[in-house]
Structure formats: C-alpha cells, structure tokens
C-alpha atoms as a PDB file:
ATOM      1  CA  MET A   1     203.838  80.956  91.398  1.00  0.00           C
ATOM      2  CA  ALA A   2     200.429  79.936  90.043  1.00  0.00           C
ATOM      3  CA  ASN A   3     200.159  77.809  86.957  1.00  0.00           C
ATOM      4  CA  SER A   4     197.997  79.732  84.488  1.00  0.00           C
ATOM      5  CA  GLY A   5     197.104  76.523  82.654  1.00  0.00           C
ATOM      6  CA  SER A   6     195.524  74.908  85.724  1.00  0.00           C
ATOM      7  CA  THR A   7     191.772  74.491  85.527  1.00  0.00           C
ATOM      8  CA  PHE A   8     191.266  72.667  88.871  1.00  0.00           C
ATOM      9  CA  SER A   9     192.952  71.930  92.228  1.00  0.00           C
ATOM     10  CA  VAL A  10     192.822  68.729  94.159  1.00  0.00           C
ATOM     11  CA  ILE A  11     193.090  68.100  97.923  1.00  0.00           C
ATOM     12  CA  GLY A  12     193.928  64.433  98.203  1.00  0.00           C
ATOM     13  CA  PRO A  13     192.583  61.920 100.771  1.00  0.00           C
ATOM     14  CA  ASP A  14     195.807  62.071 102.732  1.00  0.00           C
ATOM     15  CA  VAL A  15     195.743  65.911 103.200  1.00  0.00           C
ATOM     16  CA  THR A  16     194.233  67.814 106.194  1.00  0.00           C
ATOM     17  CA  ILE A  17     194.041  71.609 105.852  1.00  0.00           C
ATOM     18  CA  ARG A  18     193.438  73.882 108.844  1.00  0.00           C
ATOM     19  CA  GLY A  19     192.493  77.284 107.487  1.00  0.00           C
ATOM     20  CA  ASN A  20     190.365  78.940 104.829  1.00  0.00           C
ATOM     21  CA  ILE A  21     190.584  78.064 101.134  1.00  0.00           C
ATOM     22  CA  GLU A  22     189.919  80.502  98.273  1.00  0.00           C
ATOM     23  CA  ALA A  23     190.222  79.201  94.790  1.00  0.00           C
ATOM     24  CA  THR A  24     189.509  80.966  91.507  1.00  0.00           C
ATOM     25  CA  VAL A  25     189.318  77.492  89.797  1.00  0.00           C
ATOM     26  CA  ASP A  26     187.387  74.357  90.406  1.00  0.00           C
ATOM     27  CA  LEU A  27     188.263  72.463  93.524  1.00  0.00           C
ATOM     28  CA  HIS A  28     188.052  68.698  94.256  1.00  0.00           C
ATOM     29  CA  VAL A  29     188.245  67.750  97.908  1.00  0.00           C
ATOM     30  CA  ASP A  30     188.937  64.168  99.012  1.00  0.00           C
ATOM     31  CA  GLY A  31     190.709  65.032 102.223  1.00  0.00           C
ATOM     32  CA  LYS A  32     189.782  67.038 105.377  1.00  0.00           C
ATOM     33  CA  VAL A  33     189.244  70.839 105.565  1.00  0.00           C
ATOM     34  CA  HIS A  34     188.838  72.636 108.865  1.00  0.00           C
ATOM     35  CA  GLY A  35     187.960  76.095 107.543  1.00  0.00           C
ATOM     36  CA  ASP A  36     185.798  77.928 105.015  1.00  0.00           C
ATOM     37  CA  ILE A  37     185.890  77.106 101.289  1.00  0.00           C
ATOM     38  CA  ALA A  38     185.201  79.670  98.547  1.00  0.00           C
ATOM     39  CA  CYS A  39     185.574  78.498  94.919  1.00  0.00           C
ATOM     40  CA  ALA A  40     183.956  78.499  91.509  1.00  0.00           C
ATOM     41  CA  SER A  41     182.973  74.798  91.592  1.00  0.00           C
ATOM     42  CA  LEU A  42     183.391  72.219  94.315  1.00  0.00           C
ATOM     43  CA  VAL A  43     183.322  68.517  94.066  1.00  0.00           C
ATOM     44  CA  GLN A  44     183.500  66.709  97.368  1.00  0.00           C
ATOM     45  CA  GLY A  45     184.550  63.070  97.465  1.00  0.00           C
ATOM     46  CA  GLU A  46     182.764  60.413  99.547  1.00  0.00           C
ATOM     47  CA  GLY A  47     185.408  60.050 102.198  1.00  0.00           C
ATOM     48  CA  SER A  48     186.064  63.783 102.644  1.00  0.00           C
ATOM     49  CA  HIS A  49     185.153  65.960 105.608  1.00  0.00           C
ATOM     50  CA  VAL A  50     184.571  69.749 105.615  1.00  0.00           C
ATOM     51  CA  GLU A  51     184.041  71.661 108.800  1.00  0.00           C
ATOM     52  CA  GLY A  52     183.349  75.247 107.791  1.00  0.00           C
ATOM     53  CA  GLU A  53     181.270  77.331 105.426  1.00  0.00           C
ATOM     54  CA  ILE A  54     181.079  76.518 101.720  1.00  0.00           C
ATOM     55  CA  LYS A  55     180.439  79.175  99.058  1.00  0.00           C
ATOM     56  CA  ALA A  56     180.518  78.080  95.377  1.00  0.00           C
ATOM     57  CA  GLU A  57     178.721  78.638  92.124  1.00  0.00           C
ATOM     58  CA  THR A  58     178.213  74.879  91.740  1.00  0.00           C
ATOM     59  CA  ALA A  59     178.805  72.148  94.347  1.00  0.00           C
ATOM     60  CA  ARG A  60     178.427  68.363  94.191  1.00  0.00           C
ATOM     61  CA  LEU A  61     178.677  67.017  97.730  1.00  0.00           C
ATOM     62  CA  SER A  62     179.063  63.328  98.708  1.00  0.00           C
ATOM     63  CA  GLY A  63     181.090  63.504 101.944  1.00  0.00           C
ATOM     64  CA  GLU A  64     180.497  65.026 105.377  1.00  0.00           C
ATOM     65  CA  VAL A  65     179.936  68.816 105.839  1.00  0.00           C
ATOM     66  CA  LYS A  66     179.492  70.581 109.151  1.00  0.00           C
ATOM     67  CA  GLY A  67     178.720  74.216 108.288  1.00  0.00           C
ATOM     68  CA  ARG A  68     176.685  76.546 106.198  1.00  0.00           C
ATOM     69  CA  ILE A  69     176.447  75.946 102.445  1.00  0.00           C
ATOM     70  CA  GLU A  70     175.740  78.554  99.763  1.00  0.00           C
ATOM     71  CA  ALA A  71     175.720  77.490  96.125  1.00  0.00           C
ATOM     72  CA  LYS A  72     173.758  78.537  93.068  1.00  0.00           C
ATOM     73  CA  ASN A  73     173.654  74.946  91.764  1.00  0.00           C
ATOM     74  CA  LEU A  74     173.759  72.294  94.485  1.00  0.00           C
ATOM     75  CA  VAL A  75     173.745  68.534  94.134  1.00  0.00           C
ATOM     76  CA  VAL A  76     173.658  66.515  97.374  1.00  0.00           C
ATOM     77  CA  LEU A  77     174.598  62.943  96.525  1.00  0.00           C
ATOM     78  CA  LYS A  78     173.295  59.881  98.438  1.00  0.00           C
ATOM     79  CA  GLY A  79     176.539  59.423 100.527  1.00  0.00           C
ATOM     80  CA  ALA A  80     176.475  63.057 101.832  1.00  0.00           C
ATOM     81  CA  LYS A  81     175.915  63.882 105.453  1.00  0.00           C
ATOM     82  CA  ILE A  82     175.332  67.634 105.961  1.00  0.00           C
ATOM     83  CA  GLU A  83     174.863  69.404 109.325  1.00  0.00           C
ATOM     84  CA  GLY A  84     174.059  73.037 108.611  1.00  0.00           C
ATOM     85  CA  ASP A  85     171.813  75.391 106.721  1.00  0.00           C
ATOM     86  CA  VAL A  86     171.738  75.342 102.935  1.00  0.00           C
ATOM     87  CA  SER A  87     171.088  78.225 100.501  1.00  0.00           C
ATOM     88  CA  TYR A  88     170.596  77.444  96.827  1.00  0.00           C
ATOM     89  CA  GLU A  89     169.171  78.578  93.481  1.00  0.00           C
ATOM     90  CA  THR A  90     168.721  75.044  92.135  1.00  0.00           C
ATOM     91  CA  LEU A  91     168.874  72.010  94.384  1.00  0.00           C
ATOM     92  CA  THR A  92     169.043  68.213  93.694  1.00  0.00           C
ATOM     93  CA  ILE A  93     169.059  65.688  96.501  1.00  0.00           C
ATOM     94  CA  GLU A  94     169.606  62.013  95.958  1.00  0.00           C
ATOM     95  CA  GLN A  95     167.575  59.599  97.997  1.00  0.00           C
ATOM     96  CA  GLY A  96     169.645  58.451 101.007  1.00  0.00           C
ATOM     97  CA  ALA A  97     171.460  61.816 101.572  1.00  0.00           C
ATOM     98  CA  LYS A  98     171.246  63.062 105.174  1.00  0.00           C
ATOM     99  CA  VAL A  99     170.729  66.757 105.854  1.00  0.00           C
ATOM    100  CA  ASN A 100     170.198  68.176 109.311  1.00  0.00           C
ATOM    101  CA  GLY A 101     169.505  71.912 108.761  1.00  0.00           C
ATOM    102  CA  ARG A 102     167.246  74.446 106.965  1.00  0.00           C
ATOM    103  CA  PHE A 103     166.842  75.003 103.201  1.00  0.00           C
ATOM    104  CA  ALA A 104     166.279  78.492 101.756  1.00  0.00           C
ATOM    105  CA  PRO A 105     166.566  79.864  98.232  1.00  0.00           C
ATOM    106  CA  LEU A 106     169.419  82.300  97.689  1.00  0.00           C
ATOM    107  CA  GLY A 107     168.440  85.831  98.430  1.00  0.00           C
ATOM    108  CA  ALA A 108     165.460  84.790 100.606  1.00  0.00           C
ATOM    109  CA  ASN A 109     165.383  85.897 104.173  1.00  0.00           C
ATOM    110  CA  ALA A 110     166.836  83.120 106.288  1.00  0.00           C
ATOM    111  CA  PRO A 111     164.401  81.704 108.894  1.00  0.00           C
ATOM    112  CA  LYS A 112     164.999  82.790 112.443  1.00  0.00           C
ATOM    113  CA  PRO A 113     167.289  80.257 114.229  1.00  0.00           C
ATOM    114  CA  ALA A 114     165.462  77.641 116.167  1.00  0.00           C
ATOM    115  CA  SER A 115     166.792  76.063 119.280  1.00  0.00           C
ATOM    116  CA  LYS A 116     167.274  72.817 117.313  1.00  0.00           C
ATOM    117  CA  PRO A 117     167.205  72.554 113.470  1.00  0.00           C
ATOM    118  CA  ALA A 118     164.492  70.314 112.094  1.00  0.00           C
ATOM    119  CA  MET A 119     165.390  67.332 109.991  1.00  0.00           C
ATOM    120  CA  ALA A 120     164.948  68.344 106.364  1.00  0.00           C
ATOM    121  CA  ALA A 121     163.267  65.953 103.959  1.00  0.00           C
ATOM    122  CA  PRO A 122     164.097  66.042 100.235  1.00  0.00           C
ATOM    123  CA  LEU A 123     162.200  68.764  98.451  1.00  0.00           C
ATOM    124  CA  GLY A 124     160.016  68.343  95.431  1.00  0.00           C
ATOM    125  CA  GLU A 125     158.633  65.171  93.965  1.00  0.00           C
ATOM    126  CA  GLU A 126     160.810  62.042  93.620  1.00  0.00           C
ATOM    127  CA  SER A 127     161.709  61.088  90.131  1.00  0.00           C
ATOM    128  CA  ASP A 128     162.131  57.488  88.915  1.00  0.00           C
ATOM    129  CA  ARG A 129     165.841  57.777  89.841  1.00  0.00           C
ATOM    130  CA  GLY A 130     165.106  58.565  93.478  1.00  0.00           C
ATOM    131  CA  VAL A 131     166.224  62.168  93.094  1.00  0.00           C
ATOM    132  CA  ALA A 132     164.311  65.120  94.474  1.00  0.00           C
ATOM    133  CA  VAL A 133     164.692  68.473  92.686  1.00  0.00           C
ATOM    134  CA  ALA A 134     163.713  71.929  93.930  1.00  0.00           C
ATOM    135  CA  ARG A 135     163.810  75.103  91.959  1.00  0.00           C
END
C-alpha cells in the first residue's frame, strides 16, 4: 500500500533494480538501475548507474547514464558520464561533465542517426562558474 504522505522515493547505493521504474513522486537514485525510469523529478547520485531511458520533468544527473534522456529541465553535473541522446527544454552542463551523444530541444525533429555519435561540447557561453546554459 502506498504512503500518501511520501514526497520522494530513494534507491540506495546498495540496491540494484532490473526492470522499469515509474514514480509519481520525486526519485533519488544512488544505486544501479537496469531499465527505464519515468518520474516527476530525478536526482542521480555520483556513484549511481542507470542503463535505460530516462523521462522526467526535471533531472539532476551526476552519475553514469547509458541511454536516452528526455527532461524539460536538465542539469548535468561535473561528475556525470552520459552515453546517449539528450532532449531538453532548458539545459545546464557543468564544466567537466562528459556527454557522448546528440542534443536536441524537446519537440524538435531528432537528427538522423549517424554511424557514431559525435562528442558533444557544452552548449552556450561559459559563465564565471564554469557552467554552460542552453535554452
């Protein structure tokens, strides 16, 4: 039975999930997920690993992701390692984050697949904090 007072769910660092996750609340992942994640808001810890598609309204990623990401508001922190295409409405990338894939605004036609994705550089101009922002 679900707890109606719960506002977020946590997957601890000692947990590995094999299968898809759907959450109506915010989700914090410190463990490993081998499957797709769909939630309102996702926070990914530094030591975590997600192998699958991520769909969220907002996402703050600082671990490893292998799969497509779709988020209205996406923040890729400096410890993140992403291998996959990224769709976003607003995007912030900290200096030092590693992304191997293509970026496209939500709703835009995705580019035709290439034989090998190009290394994506941070978008926009760098601020004094070493953060690139694209809108």
